[in-house]
Each structure stands twice: as C-alpha cells, then as structure tokens.
Amino acid sequence: MADSYKITGQKQNVQISPAGAGFENVWDITYKVTSGPAANTVGTVTVLDADHNAKYVQQAIEEKIATLAAVASLGGK
C-alpha cells in the first residue's frame, strides 16, 4: 500500500504526556493519499520519538488510510 500515499513532511514536536505528568518527544508525519477512495486526503500521524522508524510509521499511516477509505466509501452503495 506504500504506493498509495506520499510522505509530505516530518516535524519533531513535544506534547504533554497522556498521563499529564510531563512532556514527551514526538514526530508529526504528514502524508497525502494518492489513490483509492480517500485520494487527495492529507493527514498526519503522530508517533513517539522511540517509534520514529520506517516500519512503525508505515503501519500507522496504512491503518489510518484504511479507516479513511472506509469512511470515504460510506453511502456509495
């Protein structure tokens, strides 16, 4: 599925820890869907600095695109 989207940017960021105690380093990865029901949708996934690797980011983006495609297909039947 990697050929159905393009990474358009990566930005290091800091966010409040979900536990509310402190901060954590994250990466915001922006992508554009290039084919399928969600084509031309631009999205962002945020991953922890420790998870900022090609395999993890690919999985996160492809899971989100599957959801985007399902939503884009609603009402089309």
PDB file of N, CA and C in Angstrom:
ATOM      1  N   MET A   1       0.821  -1.201   0.000  1.00  0.00           N
ATOM      2  CA  MET A   1       0.000   0.000   0.000  1.00  0.00           C
ATOM      3  C   MET A   1       0.864   1.264   0.000  1.00  0.00           C
ATOM      4  N   ALA A   2       2.161   1.125   0.196  1.00  0.00           N
ATOM      5  CA  ALA A   2       3.028   2.304   0.268  1.00  0.00           C
ATOM      6  C   ALA A   2       2.983   3.142  -1.004  1.00  0.00           C
ATOM      7  N   ASP A   3       2.549   2.557  -2.114  1.00  0.00           N
ATOM      8  CA  ASP A   3       2.465   3.334  -3.333  1.00  0.00           C
ATOM      9  C   ASP A   3       1.167   4.132  -3.438  1.00  0.00           C
ATOM     10  N   SER A   4       0.317   4.060  -2.418  1.00  0.00           N
ATOM     11  CA  SER A   4      -0.953   4.786  -2.440  1.00  0.00           C
ATOM     12  C   SER A   4      -0.914   6.079  -1.608  1.00  0.00           C
ATOM     13  N   TYR A   5       0.274   6.442  -1.140  1.00  0.00           N
ATOM     14  CA  TYR A   5       0.422   7.695  -0.399  1.00  0.00           C
ATOM     15  C   TYR A   5       1.853   8.194  -0.534  1.00  0.00           C
ATOM     16  N   LYS A   6       2.022   9.465  -0.197  1.00  0.00           N
ATOM     17  CA  LYS A   6       3.340  10.078  -0.248  1.00  0.00           C
ATOM     18  C   LYS A   6       3.563  10.862   1.036  1.00  0.00           C
ATOM     19  N   ILE A   7       4.718  10.667   1.656  1.00  0.00           N
ATOM     20  CA  ILE A   7       5.081  11.455   2.834  1.00  0.00           C
ATOM     21  C   ILE A   7       5.389  12.874   2.357  1.00  0.00           C
ATOM     22  N   THR A   8       4.753  13.859   2.966  1.00  0.00           N
ATOM     23  CA  THR A   8       4.969  15.235   2.552  1.00  0.00           C
ATOM     24  C   THR A   8       5.768  16.042   3.568  1.00  0.00           C
ATOM     25  N   GLY A   9       5.944  15.490   4.777  1.00  0.00           N
ATOM     26  CA  GLY A   9       6.741  16.206   5.766  1.00  0.00           C
ATOM     27  C   GLY A   9       6.879  15.444   7.069  1.00  0.00           C
ATOM     28  N   GLN A  10       7.929  15.806   7.799  1.00  0.00           N
ATOM     29  CA  GLN A  10       8.169  15.259   9.133  1.00  0.00           C
ATOM     30  C   GLN A  10       8.596  16.421  10.023  1.00  0.00           C
ATOM     31  N   LYS A  11       8.027  16.488  11.206  1.00  0.00           N
ATOM     32  CA  LYS A  11       8.353  17.592  12.101  1.00  0.00           C
ATOM     33  C   LYS A  11       8.459  17.067  13.526  1.00  0.00           C
ATOM     34  N   GLN A  12       9.572  17.346  14.151  1.00  0.00           N
ATOM     35  CA  GLN A  12       9.731  16.956  15.550  1.00  0.00           C
ATOM     36  C   GLN A  12       8.927  17.927  16.407  1.00  0.00           C
ATOM     37  N   ASN A  13       8.316  17.399  17.464  1.00  0.00           N
ATOM     38  CA  ASN A  13       7.437  18.198  18.300  1.00  0.00           C
ATOM     39  C   ASN A  13       7.506  17.683  19.730  1.00  0.00           C
ATOM     40  N   VAL A  14       6.854  18.374  20.625  1.00  0.00           N
ATOM     41  CA  VAL A  14       6.742  17.973  22.028  1.00  0.00           C
ATOM     42  C   VAL A  14       5.270  18.052  22.397  1.00  0.00           C
ATOM     43  N   GLN A  15       4.783  17.039  23.106  1.00  0.00           N
ATOM     44  CA  GLN A  15       3.392  17.078  23.552  1.00  0.00           C
ATOM     45  C   GLN A  15       3.319  16.683  25.019  1.00  0.00           C
ATOM     46  N   ILE A  16       2.222  17.047  25.650  1.00  0.00           N
ATOM     47  CA  ILE A  16       2.011  16.673  27.044  1.00  0.00           C
ATOM     48  C   ILE A  16       1.790  15.174  27.111  1.00  0.00           C
ATOM     49  N   SER A  17       2.421  14.533  28.049  1.00  0.00           N
ATOM     50  CA  SER A  17       2.259  13.097  28.249  1.00  0.00           C
ATOM     51  C   SER A  17       0.799  12.782  28.536  1.00  0.00           C
ATOM     52  N   PRO A  18       0.265  11.680  27.995  1.00  0.00           N
ATOM     53  CA  PRO A  18      -1.131  11.324  28.266  1.00  0.00           C
ATOM     54  C   PRO A  18      -1.440  11.199  29.760  1.00  0.00           C
ATOM     55  N   ALA A  19      -0.432  10.861  30.533  1.00  0.00           N
ATOM     56  CA  ALA A  19      -0.628  10.772  31.981  1.00  0.00           C
ATOM     57  C   ALA A  19      -0.704  12.156  32.617  1.00  0.00           C
ATOM     58  N   GLY A  20      -0.371  13.197  31.844  1.00  0.00           N
ATOM     59  CA  GLY A  20      -0.457  14.565  32.341  1.00  0.00           C
ATOM     60  C   GLY A  20       0.722  14.976  33.203  1.00  0.00           C
ATOM     61  N   ALA A  21       1.726  14.108  33.288  1.00  0.00           N
ATOM     62  CA  ALA A  21       2.890  14.413  34.122  1.00  0.00           C
ATOM     63  C   ALA A  21       4.118  14.554  33.240  1.00  0.00           C
ATOM     64  N   GLY A  22       4.316  15.742  32.705  1.00  0.00           N
ATOM     65  CA  GLY A  22       5.499  15.974  31.892  1.00  0.00           C
ATOM     66  C   GLY A  22       5.213  15.983  30.404  1.00  0.00           C
ATOM     67  N   PHE A  23       6.277  15.937  29.653  1.00  0.00           N
ATOM     68  CA  PHE A  23       6.195  16.038  28.204  1.00  0.00           C
ATOM     69  C   PHE A  23       6.895  14.858  27.561  1.00  0.00           C
ATOM     70  N   GLU A  24       6.597  14.633  26.268  1.00  0.00           N
ATOM     71  CA  GLU A  24       7.277  13.581  25.524  1.00  0.00           C
ATOM     72  C   GLU A  24       7.591  14.078  24.120  1.00  0.00           C
ATOM     73  N   ASN A  25       8.707  13.606  23.597  1.00  0.00           N
ATOM     74  CA  ASN A  25       9.115  13.971  22.250  1.00  0.00           C
ATOM     75  C   ASN A  25       8.371  13.099  21.246  1.00  0.00           C
ATOM     76  N   VAL A  26       7.824  13.741  20.218  1.00  0.00           N
ATOM     77  CA  VAL A  26       7.064  13.038  19.185  1.00  0.00           C
ATOM     78  C   VAL A  26       7.473  13.561  17.813  1.00  0.00           C
ATOM     79  N   TRP A  27       7.037  12.840  16.788  1.00  0.00           N
ATOM     80  CA  TRP A  27       7.190  13.263  15.405  1.00  0.00           C
ATOM     81  C   TRP A  27       5.814  13.326  14.768  1.00  0.00           C
ATOM     82  N   ASP A  28       5.532  14.413  14.072  1.00  0.00           N
ATOM     83  CA  ASP A  28       4.307  14.552  13.288  1.00  0.00           C
ATOM     84  C   ASP A  28       4.686  14.281  11.838  1.00  0.00           C
ATOM     85  N   ILE A  29       4.120  13.226  11.264  1.00  0.00           N
ATOM     86  CA  ILE A  29       4.416  12.854   9.885  1.00  0.00           C
ATOM     87  C   ILE A  29       3.177  13.134   9.045  1.00  0.00           C
ATOM     88  N   THR A  30       3.313  13.997   8.056  1.00  0.00           N
ATOM     89  CA  THR A  30       2.204  14.376   7.185  1.00  0.00           C
ATOM     90  C   THR A  30       2.307  13.589   5.880  1.00  0.00           C
ATOM     91  N   TYR A  31       1.150  13.159   5.379  1.00  0.00           N
ATOM     92  CA  TYR A  31       1.112  12.366   4.154  1.00  0.00           C
ATOM     93  C   TYR A  31      -0.088  12.774   3.314  1.00  0.00           C
ATOM     94  N   LYS A  32      -0.036  12.427   2.031  1.00  0.00           N
ATOM     95  CA  LYS A  32      -1.155  12.662   1.123  1.00  0.00           C
ATOM     96  C   LYS A  32      -1.508  11.334   0.462  1.00  0.00           C
ATOM     97  N   VAL A  33      -2.785  10.977   0.510  1.00  0.00           N
ATOM     98  CA  VAL A  33      -3.261   9.754  -0.128  1.00  0.00           C
ATOM     99  C   VAL A  33      -3.328  10.016  -1.626  1.00  0.00           C
ATOM    100  N   THR A  34      -2.727   9.127  -2.419  1.00  0.00           N
ATOM    101  CA  THR A  34      -2.623   9.357  -3.859  1.00  0.00           C
ATOM    102  C   THR A  34      -3.560   8.493  -4.693  1.00  0.00           C
ATOM    103  N   SER A  35      -4.193   7.495  -4.088  1.00  0.00           N
ATOM    104  CA  SER A  35      -5.126   6.653  -4.846  1.00  0.00           C
ATOM    105  C   SER A  35      -6.150   6.041  -3.901  1.00  0.00           C
ATOM    106  N   GLY A  36      -7.179   5.462  -4.497  1.00  0.00           N
ATOM    107  CA  GLY A  36      -8.229   4.817  -3.701  1.00  0.00           C
ATOM    108  C   GLY A  36      -9.333   5.782  -3.322  1.00  0.00           C
ATOM    109  N   PRO A  37     -10.297   5.300  -2.519  1.00  0.00           N
ATOM    110  CA  PRO A  37     -11.460   6.112  -2.155  1.00  0.00           C
ATOM    111  C   PRO A  37     -11.114   7.402  -1.413  1.00  0.00           C
ATOM    112  N   ALA A  38      -9.987   7.408  -0.709  1.00  0.00           N
ATOM    113  CA  ALA A  38      -9.602   8.600   0.065  1.00  0.00           C
ATOM    114  C   ALA A  38      -8.555   9.445  -0.655  1.00  0.00           C
ATOM    115  N   ALA A  39      -8.419   9.259  -1.966  1.00  0.00           N
ATOM    116  CA  ALA A  39      -7.412  10.003  -2.738  1.00  0.00           C
ATOM    117  C   ALA A  39      -7.513  11.498  -2.482  1.00  0.00           C
ATOM    118  N   ASN A  40      -6.376  12.138  -2.400  1.00  0.00           N
ATOM    119  CA  ASN A  40      -6.211  13.581  -2.174  1.00  0.00           C
ATOM    120  C   ASN A  40      -6.439  14.010  -0.729  1.00  0.00           C
ATOM    121  N   THR A  41      -6.719  13.066   0.153  1.00  0.00           N
ATOM    122  CA  THR A  41      -6.826  13.391   1.575  1.00  0.00           C
ATOM    123  C   THR A  41      -5.425  13.602   2.129  1.00  0.00           C
ATOM    124  N   VAL A  42      -5.264  14.652   2.916  1.00  0.00           N
ATOM    125  CA  VAL A  42      -3.995  14.922   3.594  1.00  0.00           C
ATOM    126  C   VAL A  42      -4.211  14.625   5.066  1.00  0.00           C
ATOM    127  N   GLY A  43      -3.292  13.877   5.648  1.00  0.00           N
ATOM    128  CA  GLY A  43      -3.422  13.512   7.049  1.00  0.00           C
ATOM    129  C   GLY A  43      -2.086  13.586   7.767  1.00  0.00           C
ATOM    130  N   THR A  44      -2.152  13.451   9.076  1.00  0.00           N
ATOM    131  CA  THR A  44      -0.959  13.467   9.913  1.00  0.00           C
ATOM    132  C   THR A  44      -1.073  12.366  10.950  1.00  0.00           C
ATOM    133  N   VAL A  45       0.003  11.634  11.137  1.00  0.00           N
ATOM    134  CA  VAL A  45       0.092  10.704  12.257  1.00  0.00           C
ATOM    135  C   VAL A  45       1.184  11.219  13.184  1.00  0.00           C
ATOM    136  N   THR A  46       0.985  11.029  14.463  1.00  0.00           N
ATOM    137  CA  THR A  46       1.970  11.442  15.463  1.00  0.00           C
ATOM    138  C   THR A  46       2.493  10.192  16.149  1.00  0.00           C
ATOM    139  N   VAL A  47       3.808  10.055  16.167  1.00  0.00           N
ATOM    140  CA  VAL A  47       4.427   8.882  16.796  1.00  0.00           C
ATOM    141  C   VAL A  47       5.461   9.344  17.816  1.00  0.00           C
ATOM    142  N   LEU A  48       5.636   8.552  18.834  1.00  0.00           N
ATOM    143  CA  LEU A  48       6.662   8.845  19.824  1.00  0.00           C
ATOM    144  C   LEU A  48       8.032   8.793  19.177  1.00  0.00           C
ATOM    145  N   ASP A  49       8.972   9.555  19.707  1.00  0.00           N
ATOM    146  CA  ASP A  49      10.322   9.571  19.166  1.00  0.00           C
ATOM    147  C   ASP A  49      10.898   8.152  19.097  1.00  0.00           C
ATOM    148  N   ALA A  50      10.632   7.335  20.081  1.00  0.00           N
ATOM    149  CA  ALA A  50      11.149   5.961  20.115  1.00  0.00           C
ATOM    150  C   ALA A  50      10.558   5.096  18.996  1.00  0.00           C
ATOM    151  N   ASP A  51       9.394   5.472  18.482  1.00  0.00           N
ATOM    152  CA  ASP A  51       8.725   4.717  17.411  1.00  0.00           C
ATOM    153  C   ASP A  51       8.939   5.342  16.036  1.00  0.00           C
ATOM    154  N   HIS A  52       9.774   6.333  15.945  1.00  0.00           N
ATOM    155  CA  HIS A  52      10.006   7.027  14.669  1.00  0.00           C
ATOM    156  C   HIS A  52      10.967   6.210  13.810  1.00  0.00           C
ATOM    157  N   ASN A  53      10.395   5.208  13.152  1.00  0.00           N
ATOM    158  CA  ASN A  53      11.159   4.379  12.216  1.00  0.00           C
ATOM    159  C   ASN A  53      10.228   4.010  11.066  1.00  0.00           C
ATOM    160  N   ALA A  54      10.801   3.596   9.952  1.00  0.00           N
ATOM    161  CA  ALA A  54      10.027   3.364   8.729  1.00  0.00           C
ATOM    162  C   ALA A  54       8.920   2.332   8.923  1.00  0.00           C
ATOM    163  N   LYS A  55       9.215   1.246   9.588  1.00  0.00           N
ATOM    164  CA  LYS A  55       8.223   0.170   9.752  1.00  0.00           C
ATOM    165  C   LYS A  55       7.019   0.644  10.568  1.00  0.00           C
ATOM    166  N   TYR A  56       7.267   1.302  11.690  1.00  0.00           N
ATOM    167  CA  TYR A  56       6.187   1.748  12.567  1.00  0.00           C
ATOM    168  C   TYR A  56       5.347   2.829  11.889  1.00  0.00           C
ATOM    169  N   VAL A  57       6.017   3.784  11.246  1.00  0.00           N
ATOM    170  CA  VAL A  57       5.304   4.879  10.585  1.00  0.00           C
ATOM    171  C   VAL A  57       4.464   4.337   9.431  1.00  0.00           C
ATOM    172  N   GLN A  58       5.025   3.419   8.657  1.00  0.00           N
ATOM    173  CA  GLN A  58       4.272   2.818   7.548  1.00  0.00           C
ATOM    174  C   GLN A  58       3.004   2.145   8.066  1.00  0.00           C
ATOM    175  N   GLN A  59       3.134   1.377   9.140  1.00  0.00           N
ATOM    176  CA  GLN A  59       1.970   0.688   9.698  1.00  0.00           C
ATOM    177  C   GLN A  59       0.920   1.685  10.179  1.00  0.00           C
ATOM    178  N   ALA A  60       1.350   2.739  10.862  1.00  0.00           N
ATOM    179  CA  ALA A  60       0.413   3.739  11.383  1.00  0.00           C
ATOM    180  C   ALA A  60      -0.331   4.443  10.246  1.00  0.00           C
ATOM    181  N   ILE A  61       0.398   4.814   9.207  1.00  0.00           N
ATOM    182  CA  ILE A  61      -0.230   5.504   8.079  1.00  0.00           C
ATOM    183  C   ILE A  61      -1.189   4.576   7.347  1.00  0.00           C
ATOM    184  N   GLU A  62      -0.773   3.355   7.087  1.00  0.00           N
ATOM    185  CA  GLU A  62      -1.630   2.434   6.332  1.00  0.00           C
ATOM    186  C   GLU A  62      -2.893   2.063   7.106  1.00  0.00           C
ATOM    187  N   GLU A  63      -2.802   1.952   8.425  1.00  0.00           N
ATOM    188  CA  GLU A  63      -4.006   1.710   9.228  1.00  0.00           C
ATOM    189  C   GLU A  63      -4.957   2.900   9.130  1.00  0.00           C
ATOM    190  N   LYS A  64      -4.410   4.102   9.176  1.00  0.00           N
ATOM    191  CA  LYS A  64      -5.260   5.297   9.084  1.00  0.00           C
ATOM    192  C   LYS A  64      -5.886   5.415   7.698  1.00  0.00           C
ATOM    193  N   ILE A  65      -5.132   5.110   6.649  1.00  0.00           N
ATOM    194  CA  ILE A  65      -5.682   5.173   5.294  1.00  0.00           C
ATOM    195  C   ILE A  65      -6.816   4.168   5.125  1.00  0.00           C
ATOM    196  N   ALA A  66      -6.700   2.995   5.737  1.00  0.00           N
ATOM    197  CA  ALA A  66      -7.790   2.013   5.669  1.00  0.00           C
ATOM    198  C   ALA A  66      -9.065   2.601   6.279  1.00  0.00           C
ATOM    199  N   THR A  67      -8.930   3.310   7.387  1.00  0.00           N
ATOM    200  CA  THR A  67     -10.084   3.956   8.012  1.00  0.00           C
ATOM    201  C   THR A  67     -10.616   5.074   7.122  1.00  0.00           C
ATOM    202  N   LEU A  68      -9.724   5.892   6.576  1.00  0.00           N
ATOM    203  CA  LEU A  68     -10.144   6.976   5.682  1.00  0.00           C
ATOM    204  C   LEU A  68     -10.897   6.427   4.477  1.00  0.00           C
ATOM    205  N   ALA A  69     -10.411   5.331   3.904  1.00  0.00           N
ATOM    206  CA  ALA A  69     -11.065   4.733   2.738  1.00  0.00           C
ATOM    207  C   ALA A  69     -12.452   4.215   3.099  1.00  0.00           C
ATOM    208  N   ALA A  70     -12.565   3.587   4.266  1.00  0.00           N
ATOM    209  CA  ALA A  70     -13.862   3.070   4.712  1.00  0.00           C
ATOM    210  C   ALA A  70     -14.859   4.209   4.896  1.00  0.00           C
ATOM    211  N   VAL A  71     -14.417   5.296   5.497  1.00  0.00           N
ATOM    212  CA  VAL A  71     -15.320   6.448   5.708  1.00  0.00           C
ATOM    213  C   VAL A  71     -15.676   7.086   4.371  1.00  0.00           C
ATOM    214  N   ALA A  72     -14.686   7.230   3.482  1.00  0.00           N
ATOM    215  CA  ALA A  72     -14.952   7.841   2.173  1.00  0.00           C
ATOM    216  C   ALA A  72     -15.934   7.003   1.351  1.00  0.00           C
ATOM    217  N   SER A  73     -16.016   5.722   1.626  1.00  0.00           N
ATOM    218  CA  SER A  73     -16.895   4.825   0.876  1.00  0.00           C
ATOM    219  C   SER A  73     -18.319   4.768   1.435  1.00  0.00           C
ATOM    220  N   LEU A  74     -18.559   5.393   2.569  1.00  0.00           N
ATOM    221  CA  LEU A  74     -19.898   5.370   3.159  1.00  0.00           C
ATOM    222  C   LEU A  74     -20.915   5.997   2.210  1.00  0.00           C
ATOM    223  N   GLY A  75     -22.060   5.400   2.129  1.00  0.00           N
ATOM    224  CA  GLY A  75     -23.135   5.947   1.326  1.00  0.00           C
ATOM    225  C   GLY A  75     -22.985   5.763  -0.168  1.00  0.00           C
ATOM    226  N   GLY A  76     -21.937   5.056  -0.584  1.00  0.00           N
ATOM    227  CA  GLY A  76     -21.700   4.896  -2.002  1.00  0.00           C
ATOM    228  C   GLY A  76     -22.389   3.688  -2.609  1.00  0.00           C
ATOM    229  N   LYS A  77     -23.167   2.971  -1.823  1.00  0.00           N
ATOM    230  CA  LYS A  77     -23.804   1.758  -2.327  1.00  0.00           C
ATOM    231  C   LYS A  77     -25.263   1.980  -2.609  1.00  0.00           C
TER     232      LYS A  77
END
